[in-house]
Amino acid sequence: MNRMFNGFIAKFSSFAAVAALALCACGNQEPAQNKTPAKTGEQAAEQAAEQPATSKSLVVFYSQTGSTKKVADAFQKARNADVFEIKTATPYPSTYDSTVAAVRSQRENKQWPALVNAKADLAKYDTVFLGYPIMFGTFAPPIYSFLDSNDLSGKVVVPFCTYGSGGRKASAAELKTLEPNASVTLAYGISNRRISAEGADSVVSAEVEAFFADLEAGKTEEMLMGGYSEQRPLTAEDSAVFVAATKDYGYLSLKPLSVSTQVVAGTNFLFTCEMKAFGGPATETKVKIFRPLPGRGEPELIVVEK
């Protein structure tokens, strides 16, 4: 992936209106079984070098409550991309419990919602920024509907999401499985609480730019975990930070087992935890918490990597 994204750097920097992380766009839609094989990183880099500076990118997103739209707007502004908003023919119910019931039924029956605009004109785009809220640990059902109606073969697909507690990595992994002939990158994610907080626009804008810098540098999930100390037993201070940041996430039944830290403008804590979400079986997960510098706010849960 390093060589592939190094090939994309020139396009990111040379034309602000372009997110050309790209492979050659497909001119025709084909059935899923006839999708062309994925190119190697070397082939992608070579082809990217041949792309004209006017290559375009497209932000495709579904937003139920407006949170994901805020992130989509940040991606669009960062790369001056075109926008395609996925809209369902029948909106989800207005209450949380009713939406949960509707989504659970759709997932159990694999009956994805009908869309007002199922088909997007993807032929002229190299890169697709695909955004969605996390529902039941992965992307919302309308994304399945979109994927069923569109061929992303040969595209660079950059996922981004909003979530209650997590689902960023799991949704990107599922996307890679469903679209094996696309080049699916690292995913960006932000919690609904953070995207709804005061000053969220500037926070998201800065994070999105940092995210693009990570893509350009060819960073992997493992590389992003660099800079943390070794995992160690919790101190009383660590435990206090964990309790303060997770007090509103009782439904996850998180039990911290060990922790590592990273000093930034404040401190990042990466807790290894046992999780029994919604009374389910125990699983091991990572919980990232940020504690600002003294006097600048309380510890905040950033993500549960699940």
C-alpha atoms as a PDB file:
ATOM      1  CA  MET A   1       0.000   0.000   0.000  1.00  0.00           C
ATOM      2  CA  ASN A   2       2.919   2.402   0.596  1.00  0.00           C
ATOM      3  CA  ARG A   3       3.908   2.465  -3.052  1.00  0.00           C
ATOM      4  CA  MET A   4       0.296   2.861  -4.092  1.00  0.00           C
ATOM      5  CA  PHE A   5      -0.343   5.875  -1.888  1.00  0.00           C
ATOM      6  CA  ASN A   6       3.027   7.421  -2.677  1.00  0.00           C
ATOM      7  CA  GLY A   7       1.774   7.488  -6.253  1.00  0.00           C
ATOM      8  CA  PHE A   8      -1.282   9.355  -5.061  1.00  0.00           C
ATOM      9  CA  ILE A   9       0.595  12.079  -3.143  1.00  0.00           C
ATOM     10  CA  ALA A  10       1.376  14.173  -6.187  1.00  0.00           C
ATOM     11  CA  LYS A  11      -2.275  14.357  -7.078  1.00  0.00           C
ATOM     12  CA  PHE A  12      -3.350  15.251  -3.558  1.00  0.00           C
ATOM     13  CA  SER A  13      -0.908  18.157  -3.433  1.00  0.00           C
ATOM     14  CA  SER A  14      -0.940  19.347  -7.042  1.00  0.00           C
ATOM     15  CA  PHE A  15      -4.649  19.978  -7.385  1.00  0.00           C
ATOM     16  CA  ALA A  16      -6.755  20.892  -4.389  1.00  0.00           C
ATOM     17  CA  ALA A  17      -9.942  19.842  -6.122  1.00  0.00           C
ATOM     18  CA  VAL A  18      -8.793  16.276  -6.570  1.00  0.00           C
ATOM     19  CA  ALA A  19      -8.534  13.272  -4.295  1.00  0.00           C
ATOM     20  CA  ALA A  20      -6.803  11.101  -6.849  1.00  0.00           C
ATOM     21  CA  LEU A  21      -5.852   8.104  -4.857  1.00  0.00           C
ATOM     22  CA  ALA A  22      -6.997   6.363  -7.934  1.00  0.00           C
ATOM     23  CA  LEU A  23      -7.074   3.512 -10.262  1.00  0.00           C
ATOM     24  CA  CYS A  24      -8.600   3.763 -13.723  1.00  0.00           C
ATOM     25  CA  ALA A  25     -12.368   4.235 -13.577  1.00  0.00           C
ATOM     26  CA  CYS A  26     -14.505   1.529 -15.089  1.00  0.00           C
ATOM     27  CA  GLY A  27     -16.288   2.650 -18.222  1.00  0.00           C
ATOM     28  CA  ASN A  28     -19.074   0.073 -18.062  1.00  0.00           C
ATOM     29  CA  GLN A  29     -20.968  -1.629 -15.254  1.00  0.00           C
ATOM     30  CA  GLU A  30     -20.562  -5.408 -15.142  1.00  0.00           C
ATOM     31  CA  PRO A  31     -22.207  -8.143 -13.127  1.00  0.00           C
ATOM     32  CA  ALA A  32     -20.407  -8.848  -9.861  1.00  0.00           C
ATOM     33  CA  GLN A  33     -19.091 -12.195 -11.098  1.00  0.00           C
ATOM     34  CA  ASN A  34     -17.385 -10.496 -14.044  1.00  0.00           C
ATOM     35  CA  LYS A  35     -15.564  -7.803 -12.105  1.00  0.00           C
ATOM     36  CA  THR A  36     -11.998  -7.271 -13.230  1.00  0.00           C
ATOM     37  CA  PRO A  37      -9.215  -8.504 -10.932  1.00  0.00           C
ATOM     38  CA  ALA A  38      -7.822  -6.020  -8.439  1.00  0.00           C
ATOM     39  CA  LYS A  39      -4.556  -4.400  -9.517  1.00  0.00           C
ATOM     40  CA  THR A  40      -1.376  -4.728  -7.507  1.00  0.00           C
ATOM     41  CA  GLY A  41      -0.025  -1.729  -5.617  1.00  0.00           C
ATOM     42  CA  GLU A  42       2.668  -1.292  -8.276  1.00  0.00           C
ATOM     43  CA  GLN A  43       0.143  -1.354 -11.118  1.00  0.00           C
ATOM     44  CA  ALA A  44      -2.082   1.118  -9.256  1.00  0.00           C
ATOM     45  CA  ALA A  45       0.801   3.520  -8.708  1.00  0.00           C
ATOM     46  CA  GLU A  46       1.811   3.332 -12.376  1.00  0.00           C
ATOM     47  CA  GLN A  47      -1.748   3.918 -13.518  1.00  0.00           C
ATOM     48  CA  ALA A  48      -2.186   6.765 -11.046  1.00  0.00           C
ATOM     49  CA  ALA A  49       0.863   8.454 -12.559  1.00  0.00           C
ATOM     50  CA  GLU A  50      -0.847   8.381 -15.949  1.00  0.00           C
ATOM     51  CA  GLN A  51      -4.083   9.942 -14.700  1.00  0.00           C
ATOM     52  CA  PRO A  52      -4.775  13.537 -15.788  1.00  0.00           C
ATOM     53  CA  ALA A  53      -4.747  16.236 -13.123  1.00  0.00           C
ATOM     54  CA  THR A  54      -8.491  16.659 -13.638  1.00  0.00           C
ATOM     55  CA  SER A  55      -9.357  13.241 -12.168  1.00  0.00           C
ATOM     56  CA  LYS A  56     -12.327  13.582  -9.836  1.00  0.00           C
ATOM     57  CA  SER A  57     -13.520  12.105  -6.590  1.00  0.00           C
ATOM     58  CA  LEU A  58     -17.036  11.573  -5.283  1.00  0.00           C
ATOM     59  CA  VAL A  59     -18.382  11.660  -1.739  1.00  0.00           C
ATOM     60  CA  VAL A  60     -21.181   9.094  -1.422  1.00  0.00           C
ATOM     61  CA  PHE A  61     -22.962   9.015   1.918  1.00  0.00           C
ATOM     62  CA  TYR A  62     -26.078   8.015   3.808  1.00  0.00           C
ATOM     63  CA  SER A  63     -27.027  10.041   6.878  1.00  0.00           C
ATOM     64  CA  GLN A  64     -30.017   9.239   9.037  1.00  0.00           C
ATOM     65  CA  THR A  65     -29.783  12.013  11.633  1.00  0.00           C
ATOM     66  CA  GLY A  66     -27.415  14.485   9.964  1.00  0.00           C
ATOM     67  CA  SER A  67     -24.252  13.480  11.826  1.00  0.00           C
ATOM     68  CA  THR A  68     -22.712  11.611   8.892  1.00  0.00           C
ATOM     69  CA  LYS A  69     -23.601  14.512   6.599  1.00  0.00           C
ATOM     70  CA  LYS A  70     -21.377  16.775   8.708  1.00  0.00           C
ATOM     71  CA  VAL A  71     -18.427  14.462   8.076  1.00  0.00           C
ATOM     72  CA  ALA A  72     -19.356  14.170   4.391  1.00  0.00           C
ATOM     73  CA  ASP A  73     -19.266  17.968   4.158  1.00  0.00           C
ATOM     74  CA  ALA A  74     -15.746  17.963   5.659  1.00  0.00           C
ATOM     75  CA  PHE A  75     -14.553  15.388   3.120  1.00  0.00           C
ATOM     76  CA  GLN A  76     -16.154  17.329   0.271  1.00  0.00           C
ATOM     77  CA  LYS A  77     -14.507  20.585   1.306  1.00  0.00           C
ATOM     78  CA  ALA A  78     -11.134  18.944   1.922  1.00  0.00           C
ATOM     79  CA  ARG A  79     -10.951  17.620  -1.637  1.00  0.00           C
ATOM     80  CA  ASN A  80     -13.549  19.730  -3.488  1.00  0.00           C
ATOM     81  CA  ALA A  81     -15.283  16.488  -4.439  1.00  0.00           C
ATOM     82  CA  ASP A  82     -18.675  15.962  -6.005  1.00  0.00           C
ATOM     83  CA  VAL A  83     -21.427  14.666  -3.702  1.00  0.00           C
ATOM     84  CA  PHE A  84     -24.030  11.907  -3.964  1.00  0.00           C
ATOM     85  CA  GLU A  85     -26.389  11.515  -0.999  1.00  0.00           C
ATOM     86  CA  ILE A  86     -28.067   8.131  -0.659  1.00  0.00           C
ATOM     87  CA  LYS A  87     -31.765   8.491   0.167  1.00  0.00           C
ATOM     88  CA  THR A  88     -34.121   5.722   1.215  1.00  0.00           C
ATOM     89  CA  ALA A  89     -37.590   5.476  -0.359  1.00  0.00           C
ATOM     90  CA  THR A  90     -39.016   5.030   3.146  1.00  0.00           C
ATOM     91  CA  PRO A  91     -37.221   6.845   5.973  1.00  0.00           C
ATOM     92  CA  TYR A  92     -36.463   5.019   9.193  1.00  0.00           C
ATOM     93  CA  PRO A  93     -38.810   5.727  12.141  1.00  0.00           C
ATOM     94  CA  SER A  94     -38.149   8.836  14.178  1.00  0.00           C
ATOM     95  CA  THR A  95     -37.611   7.034  17.507  1.00  0.00           C
ATOM     96  CA  TYR A  96     -34.455   5.142  18.459  1.00  0.00           C
ATOM     97  CA  ASP A  97     -36.163   1.897  19.523  1.00  0.00           C
ATOM     98  CA  SER A  98     -38.271   1.742  16.357  1.00  0.00           C
ATOM     99  CA  THR A  99     -35.202   2.321  14.185  1.00  0.00           C
ATOM    100  CA  VAL A 100     -33.328  -0.450  16.020  1.00  0.00           C
ATOM    101  CA  ALA A 101     -36.232  -2.837  15.396  1.00  0.00           C
ATOM    102  CA  ALA A 102     -36.414  -1.924  11.708  1.00  0.00           C
ATOM    103  CA  VAL A 103     -32.665  -2.304  11.156  1.00  0.00           C
ATOM    104  CA  ARG A 104     -32.576  -5.598  13.074  1.00  0.00           C
ATOM    105  CA  SER A 105     -35.335  -6.975  10.833  1.00  0.00           C
ATOM    106  CA  GLN A 106     -33.523  -5.846   7.674  1.00  0.00           C
ATOM    107  CA  ARG A 107     -30.262  -7.441   8.776  1.00  0.00           C
ATOM    108  CA  GLU A 108     -31.824 -10.712   9.902  1.00  0.00           C
ATOM    109  CA  ASN A 109     -33.752 -11.065   6.628  1.00  0.00           C
ATOM    110  CA  LYS A 110     -31.103  -9.447   4.424  1.00  0.00           C
ATOM    111  CA  GLN A 111     -33.831  -7.319   2.883  1.00  0.00           C
ATOM    112  CA  TRP A 112     -32.138  -4.009   2.245  1.00  0.00           C
ATOM    113  CA  PRO A 113     -34.183  -0.811   1.922  1.00  0.00           C
ATOM    114  CA  ALA A 114     -35.207   0.539  -1.463  1.00  0.00           C
ATOM    115  CA  LEU A 115     -33.447   3.753  -2.477  1.00  0.00           C
ATOM    116  CA  VAL A 116     -34.780   6.827  -4.225  1.00  0.00           C
ATOM    117  CA  ASN A 117     -31.496   7.089  -6.124  1.00  0.00           C
ATOM    118  CA  ALA A 118     -29.922   3.646  -6.215  1.00  0.00           C
ATOM    119  CA  LYS A 119     -27.623   4.242  -9.188  1.00  0.00           C
ATOM    120  CA  ALA A 120     -24.698   6.682  -9.202  1.00  0.00           C
ATOM    121  CA  ASP A 121     -22.692   7.713 -12.266  1.00  0.00           C
ATOM    122  CA  LEU A 122     -19.320   6.420 -11.100  1.00  0.00           C
ATOM    123  CA  ALA A 123     -17.568   6.104 -14.456  1.00  0.00           C
ATOM    124  CA  LYS A 124     -15.876   9.512 -14.290  1.00  0.00           C
ATOM    125  CA  TYR A 125     -14.540   9.073 -10.754  1.00  0.00           C
ATOM    126  CA  ASP A 126     -11.346   7.425  -9.570  1.00  0.00           C
ATOM    127  CA  THR A 127     -11.975   7.732  -5.843  1.00  0.00           C
ATOM    128  CA  VAL A 128     -15.164   7.205  -3.855  1.00  0.00           C
ATOM    129  CA  PHE A 129     -15.395   8.490  -0.277  1.00  0.00           C
ATOM    130  CA  LEU A 130     -18.121   6.282   1.210  1.00  0.00           C
ATOM    131  CA  GLY A 131     -19.799   7.493   4.400  1.00  0.00           C
ATOM    132  CA  TYR A 132     -22.357   5.920   6.715  1.00  0.00           C
ATOM    133  CA  PRO A 133     -23.577   5.651  10.297  1.00  0.00           C
ATOM    134  CA  ILE A 134     -22.734   2.448  12.158  1.00  0.00           C
ATOM    135  CA  MET A 135     -25.760   0.283  12.939  1.00  0.00           C
ATOM    136  CA  PHE A 136     -25.346  -3.076  14.678  1.00  0.00           C
ATOM    137  CA  GLY A 137     -21.572  -2.879  14.458  1.00  0.00           C
ATOM    138  CA  THR A 138     -21.224  -2.173  10.739  1.00  0.00           C
ATOM    139  CA  PHE A 139     -22.517   0.154   8.032  1.00  0.00           C
ATOM    140  CA  ALA A 140     -26.210   1.005   7.865  1.00  0.00           C
ATOM    141  CA  PRO A 141     -28.445  -1.144   5.582  1.00  0.00           C
ATOM    142  CA  PRO A 142     -28.817   1.526   2.849  1.00  0.00           C
ATOM    143  CA  ILE A 143     -25.127   0.997   2.053  1.00  0.00           C
ATOM    144  CA  TYR A 144     -25.861  -2.627   1.105  1.00  0.00           C
ATOM    145  CA  SER A 145     -28.543  -1.319  -1.256  1.00  0.00           C
ATOM    146  CA  PHE A 146     -26.049   1.078  -2.825  1.00  0.00           C
ATOM    147  CA  LEU A 147     -23.381  -1.628  -3.203  1.00  0.00           C
ATOM    148  CA  ASP A 148     -25.910  -3.982  -4.833  1.00  0.00           C
ATOM    149  CA  SER A 149     -26.686  -1.337  -7.468  1.00  0.00           C
ATOM    150  CA  ASN A 150     -23.180  -0.024  -8.187  1.00  0.00           C
ATOM    151  CA  ASP A 151     -19.862  -1.550  -9.233  1.00  0.00           C
ATOM    152  CA  LEU A 152     -16.843  -0.197  -7.355  1.00  0.00           C
ATOM    153  CA  SER A 153     -14.298  -2.373  -9.184  1.00  0.00           C
ATOM    154  CA  GLY A 154     -11.117  -0.468  -9.888  1.00  0.00           C
ATOM    155  CA  LYS A 155     -12.023   2.411  -7.589  1.00  0.00           C
ATOM    156  CA  VAL A 156     -10.151   3.558  -4.522  1.00  0.00           C
ATOM    157  CA  VAL A 157     -12.786   3.476  -1.781  1.00  0.00           C
ATOM    158  CA  VAL A 158     -12.182   5.562   1.341  1.00  0.00           C
ATOM    159  CA  PRO A 159     -14.686   4.720   4.115  1.00  0.00           C
ATOM    160  CA  PHE A 160     -15.786   7.161   6.800  1.00  0.00           C
ATOM    161  CA  CYS A 161     -18.382   6.726   9.519  1.00  0.00           C
ATOM    162  CA  THR A 162     -20.123   8.019  12.607  1.00  0.00           C
ATOM    163  CA  TYR A 163     -20.922   5.743  15.540  1.00  0.00           C
ATOM    164  CA  GLY A 164     -22.199   5.463  19.080  1.00  0.00           C
ATOM    165  CA  SER A 165     -19.141   3.633  20.419  1.00  0.00           C
ATOM    166  CA  GLY A 166     -17.337   2.002  17.488  1.00  0.00           C
ATOM    167  CA  GLY A 167     -17.511  -0.048  14.307  1.00  0.00           C
ATOM    168  CA  ARG A 168     -14.983   1.792  12.127  1.00  0.00           C
ATOM    169  CA  LYS A 169     -12.593  -1.136  11.586  1.00  0.00           C
ATOM    170  CA  ALA A 170     -15.306  -3.787  11.343  1.00  0.00           C
ATOM    171  CA  SER A 171     -17.245  -1.885   8.694  1.00  0.00           C
ATOM    172  CA  ALA A 172     -14.114  -1.297   6.601  1.00  0.00           C
ATOM    173  CA  ALA A 173     -13.245  -4.987   6.848  1.00  0.00           C
ATOM    174  CA  GLU A 174     -16.717  -5.967   5.637  1.00  0.00           C
ATOM    175  CA  LEU A 175     -16.465  -3.472   2.796  1.00  0.00           C
ATOM    176  CA  LYS A 176     -13.200  -5.092   1.688  1.00  0.00           C
ATOM    177  CA  THR A 177     -14.941  -8.471   1.663  1.00  0.00           C
ATOM    178  CA  LEU A 178     -17.909  -7.225  -0.369  1.00  0.00           C
ATOM    179  CA  GLU A 179     -15.773  -5.229  -2.815  1.00  0.00           C
ATOM    180  CA  PRO A 180     -12.650  -7.365  -3.402  1.00  0.00           C
ATOM    181  CA  ASN A 181     -11.892  -5.629  -6.716  1.00  0.00           C
ATOM    182  CA  ALA A 182     -11.811  -2.159  -5.170  1.00  0.00           C
ATOM    183  CA  SER A 183      -8.890  -0.743  -3.193  1.00  0.00           C
ATOM    184  CA  VAL A 184     -10.440  -0.102   0.233  1.00  0.00           C
ATOM    185  CA  THR A 185      -8.289   2.131   2.430  1.00  0.00           C
ATOM    186  CA  LEU A 186      -8.119   2.931   6.098  1.00  0.00           C
ATOM    187  CA  ALA A 187     -11.410   4.245   7.452  1.00  0.00           C
ATOM    188  CA  TYR A 188     -12.056   7.494   9.308  1.00  0.00           C
ATOM    189  CA  GLY A 189     -14.550   7.495  12.164  1.00  0.00           C
ATOM    190  CA  ILE A 190     -15.913   9.845  14.809  1.00  0.00           C
ATOM    191  CA  SER A 191     -18.475   9.345  17.570  1.00  0.00           C
ATOM    192  CA  ASN A 192     -21.906  10.943  17.410  1.00  0.00           C
ATOM    193  CA  ARG A 193     -21.172  12.654  20.707  1.00  0.00           C
ATOM    194  CA  ARG A 194     -18.030  14.334  19.359  1.00  0.00           C
ATOM    195  CA  ILE A 195     -19.623  15.338  16.049  1.00  0.00           C
ATOM    196  CA  SER A 196     -22.490  16.956  17.981  1.00  0.00           C
ATOM    197  CA  ALA A 197     -20.292  18.855  20.441  1.00  0.00           C
ATOM    198  CA  GLU A 198     -19.571  22.563  20.308  1.00  0.00           C
ATOM    199  CA  GLY A 199     -16.775  23.355  17.882  1.00  0.00           C
ATOM    200  CA  ALA A 200     -17.142  19.991  16.113  1.00  0.00           C
ATOM    201  CA  ASP A 201     -16.721  21.492  12.629  1.00  0.00           C
ATOM    202  CA  SER A 202     -13.153  22.577  13.291  1.00  0.00           C
ATOM    203  CA  VAL A 203     -12.348  19.300  15.064  1.00  0.00           C
ATOM    204  CA  VAL A 204     -13.606  17.229  12.134  1.00  0.00           C
ATOM    205  CA  SER A 205     -11.861  19.428   9.588  1.00  0.00           C
ATOM    206  CA  ALA A 206      -8.514  19.012  11.369  1.00  0.00           C
ATOM    207  CA  GLU A 207      -8.985  15.275  11.818  1.00  0.00           C
ATOM    208  CA  VAL A 208      -9.932  14.762   8.170  1.00  0.00           C
ATOM    209  CA  GLU A 209      -6.793  16.579   7.012  1.00  0.00           C
ATOM    210  CA  ALA A 210      -4.702  14.437   9.385  1.00  0.00           C
ATOM    211  CA  PHE A 211      -6.462  11.360   8.036  1.00  0.00           C
ATOM    212  CA  PHE A 212      -5.524  12.286   4.457  1.00  0.00           C
ATOM    213  CA  ALA A 213      -1.940  12.782   5.578  1.00  0.00           C
ATOM    214  CA  ASP A 214      -1.971   9.237   6.983  1.00  0.00           C
ATOM    215  CA  LEU A 215      -3.329   7.912   3.676  1.00  0.00           C
ATOM    216  CA  GLU A 216      -0.683   9.752   1.682  1.00  0.00           C
ATOM    217  CA  ALA A 217       2.004   8.327   3.963  1.00  0.00           C
ATOM    218  CA  GLY A 218       0.665   4.819   3.363  1.00  0.00           C
ATOM    219  CA  LYS A 219       0.055   4.199   7.049  1.00  0.00           C
ATOM    220  CA  THR A 220      -1.595   0.990   8.229  1.00  0.00           C
ATOM    221  CA  GLU A 221      -3.712   0.322  11.321  1.00  0.00           C
ATOM    222  CA  GLU A 222      -0.637  -1.135  12.995  1.00  0.00           C
ATOM    223  CA  MET A 223       1.444   1.947  12.198  1.00  0.00           C
ATOM    224  CA  LEU A 224      -1.223   4.225  13.671  1.00  0.00           C
ATOM    225  CA  MET A 225      -0.864   2.367  16.961  1.00  0.00           C
ATOM    226  CA  GLY A 226       2.817   3.356  17.091  1.00  0.00           C
ATOM    227  CA  GLY A 227       4.006   5.653  19.840  1.00  0.00           C
ATOM    228  CA  TYR A 228       2.125   3.925  22.655  1.00  0.00           C
ATOM    229  CA  SER A 229       3.914   2.452  25.640  1.00  0.00           C
ATOM    230  CA  GLU A 230       3.785  -1.260  26.367  1.00  0.00           C
ATOM    231  CA  GLN A 231       0.550  -2.546  27.865  1.00  0.00           C
ATOM    232  CA  ARG A 232       0.760  -2.595  31.661  1.00  0.00           C
ATOM    233  CA  PRO A 233      -1.505  -3.149  34.690  1.00  0.00           C
ATOM    234  CA  LEU A 234      -3.829  -0.281  35.575  1.00  0.00           C
ATOM    235  CA  THR A 235      -2.968   2.256  38.242  1.00  0.00           C
ATOM    236  CA  ALA A 236      -5.590   4.056  40.313  1.00  0.00           C
ATOM    237  CA  GLU A 237      -5.179   7.049  37.992  1.00  0.00           C
ATOM    238  CA  ASP A 238      -5.783   4.908  34.906  1.00  0.00           C
ATOM    239  CA  SER A 239      -8.911   3.421  36.458  1.00  0.00           C
ATOM    240  CA  ALA A 240     -10.259   6.869  37.311  1.00  0.00           C
ATOM    241  CA  VAL A 241      -9.745   8.002  33.704  1.00  0.00           C
ATOM    242  CA  PHE A 242     -11.526   4.887  32.411  1.00  0.00           C
ATOM    243  CA  VAL A 243     -14.513   5.295  34.730  1.00  0.00           C
ATOM    244  CA  ALA A 244     -14.911   8.988  33.855  1.00  0.00           C
ATOM    245  CA  ALA A 245     -14.818   8.360  30.098  1.00  0.00           C
ATOM    246  CA  THR A 246     -17.082   5.283  29.996  1.00  0.00           C
ATOM    247  CA  LYS A 247     -19.760   6.248  32.500  1.00  0.00           C
ATOM    248  CA  ASP A 248     -22.374   6.587  29.739  1.00  0.00           C
ATOM    249  CA  TYR A 249     -21.473   3.294  28.040  1.00  0.00           C
ATOM    250  CA  GLY A 250     -22.727   0.823  30.620  1.00  0.00           C
ATOM    251  CA  TYR A 251     -24.473  -1.222  27.921  1.00  0.00           C
ATOM    252  CA  LEU A 252     -21.046  -2.350  26.666  1.00  0.00           C
ATOM    253  CA  SER A 253     -20.108  -3.907  30.040  1.00  0.00           C
ATOM    254  CA  LEU A 254     -16.455  -2.981  29.636  1.00  0.00           C
ATOM    255  CA  LYS A 255     -13.868  -4.345  32.051  1.00  0.00           C
ATOM    256  CA  PRO A 256     -10.361  -2.858  31.626  1.00  0.00           C
ATOM    257  CA  LEU A 257      -7.566  -5.433  31.751  1.00  0.00           C
ATOM    258  CA  SER A 258      -4.455  -3.420  30.877  1.00  0.00           C
ATOM    259  CA  VAL A 259      -3.488  -0.064  29.368  1.00  0.00           C
ATOM    260  CA  SER A 260      -0.867   1.697  27.289  1.00  0.00           C
ATOM    261  CA  THR A 261      -0.443   5.453  26.905  1.00  0.00           C
ATOM    262  CA  GLN A 262       0.711   8.003  24.366  1.00  0.00           C
ATOM    263  CA  VAL A 263       1.593  11.573  25.286  1.00  0.00           C
ATOM    264  CA  VAL A 264       0.196  14.164  22.874  1.00  0.00           C
ATOM    265  CA  ALA A 265      -1.375  17.517  23.757  1.00  0.00           C
ATOM    266  CA  GLY A 266      -2.854  15.599  26.627  1.00  0.00           C
ATOM    267  CA  THR A 267      -2.735  11.806  26.906  1.00  0.00           C
ATOM    268  CA  ASN A 268      -4.172   8.990  24.798  1.00  0.00           C
ATOM    269  CA  PHE A 269      -5.042   5.841  26.729  1.00  0.00           C
ATOM    270  CA  LEU A 270      -5.446   2.532  24.902  1.00  0.00           C
ATOM    271  CA  PHE A 271      -7.192   0.078  27.199  1.00  0.00           C
ATOM    272  CA  THR A 272      -7.425  -3.636  26.483  1.00  0.00           C
ATOM    273  CA  CYS A 273     -10.852  -4.618  27.766  1.00  0.00           C
ATOM    274  CA  GLU A 274     -13.241  -7.489  28.151  1.00  0.00           C
ATOM    275  CA  MET A 275     -16.579  -6.502  26.610  1.00  0.00           C
ATOM    276  CA  LYS A 276     -20.017  -8.107  27.010  1.00  0.00           C
ATOM    277  CA  ALA A 277     -22.047  -5.733  24.849  1.00  0.00           C
ATOM    278  CA  PHE A 278     -25.805  -5.945  25.420  1.00  0.00           C
ATOM    279  CA  GLY A 279     -25.295  -9.044  27.580  1.00  0.00           C
ATOM    280  CA  GLY A 280     -23.574 -10.985  24.775  1.00  0.00           C
ATOM    281  CA  PRO A 281     -20.534 -13.264  25.053  1.00  0.00           C
ATOM    282  CA  ALA A 282     -17.278 -11.875  26.380  1.00  0.00           C
ATOM    283  CA  THR A 283     -14.905 -10.568  23.711  1.00  0.00           C
ATOM    284  CA  GLU A 284     -11.615  -8.701  23.904  1.00  0.00           C
ATOM    285  CA  THR A 285     -11.529  -5.193  22.487  1.00  0.00           C
ATOM    286  CA  LYS A 286      -9.480  -1.997  22.515  1.00  0.00           C
ATOM    287  CA  VAL A 287     -10.887   1.223  23.953  1.00  0.00           C
ATOM    288  CA  LYS A 288      -9.233   4.524  23.115  1.00  0.00           C
ATOM    289  CA  ILE A 289      -9.713   7.386  25.570  1.00  0.00           C
ATOM    290  CA  PHE A 290      -8.295  10.901  25.388  1.00  0.00           C
ATOM    291  CA  ARG A 291      -7.569  12.963  28.490  1.00  0.00           C
ATOM    292  CA  PRO A 292      -6.961  16.666  27.717  1.00  0.00           C
ATOM    293  CA  LEU A 293      -4.383  18.767  29.486  1.00  0.00           C
ATOM    294  CA  PRO A 294      -5.401  19.904  32.990  1.00  0.00           C
ATOM    295  CA  GLY A 295      -8.224  22.419  32.971  1.00  0.00           C
ATOM    296  CA  ARG A 296      -9.243  21.675  29.359  1.00  0.00           C
ATOM    297  CA  GLY A 297     -12.004  19.142  29.850  1.00  0.00           C
ATOM    298  CA  GLU A 298     -12.813  15.660  31.077  1.00  0.00           C
ATOM    299  CA  PRO A 299     -11.530  12.314  29.722  1.00  0.00           C
ATOM    300  CA  GLU A 300     -13.432  11.342  26.570  1.00  0.00           C
ATOM    301  CA  LEU A 301     -14.074   7.971  24.964  1.00  0.00           C
ATOM    302  CA  ILE A 302     -12.879   8.202  21.359  1.00  0.00           C
ATOM    303  CA  VAL A 303     -13.660   4.730  20.039  1.00  0.00           C
ATOM    304  CA  VAL A 304     -14.267   1.118  20.941  1.00  0.00           C
ATOM    305  CA  GLU A 305     -12.516  -0.892  18.239  1.00  0.00           C
ATOM    306  CA  LYS A 306     -14.937  -3.693  17.507  1.00  0.00           C
END
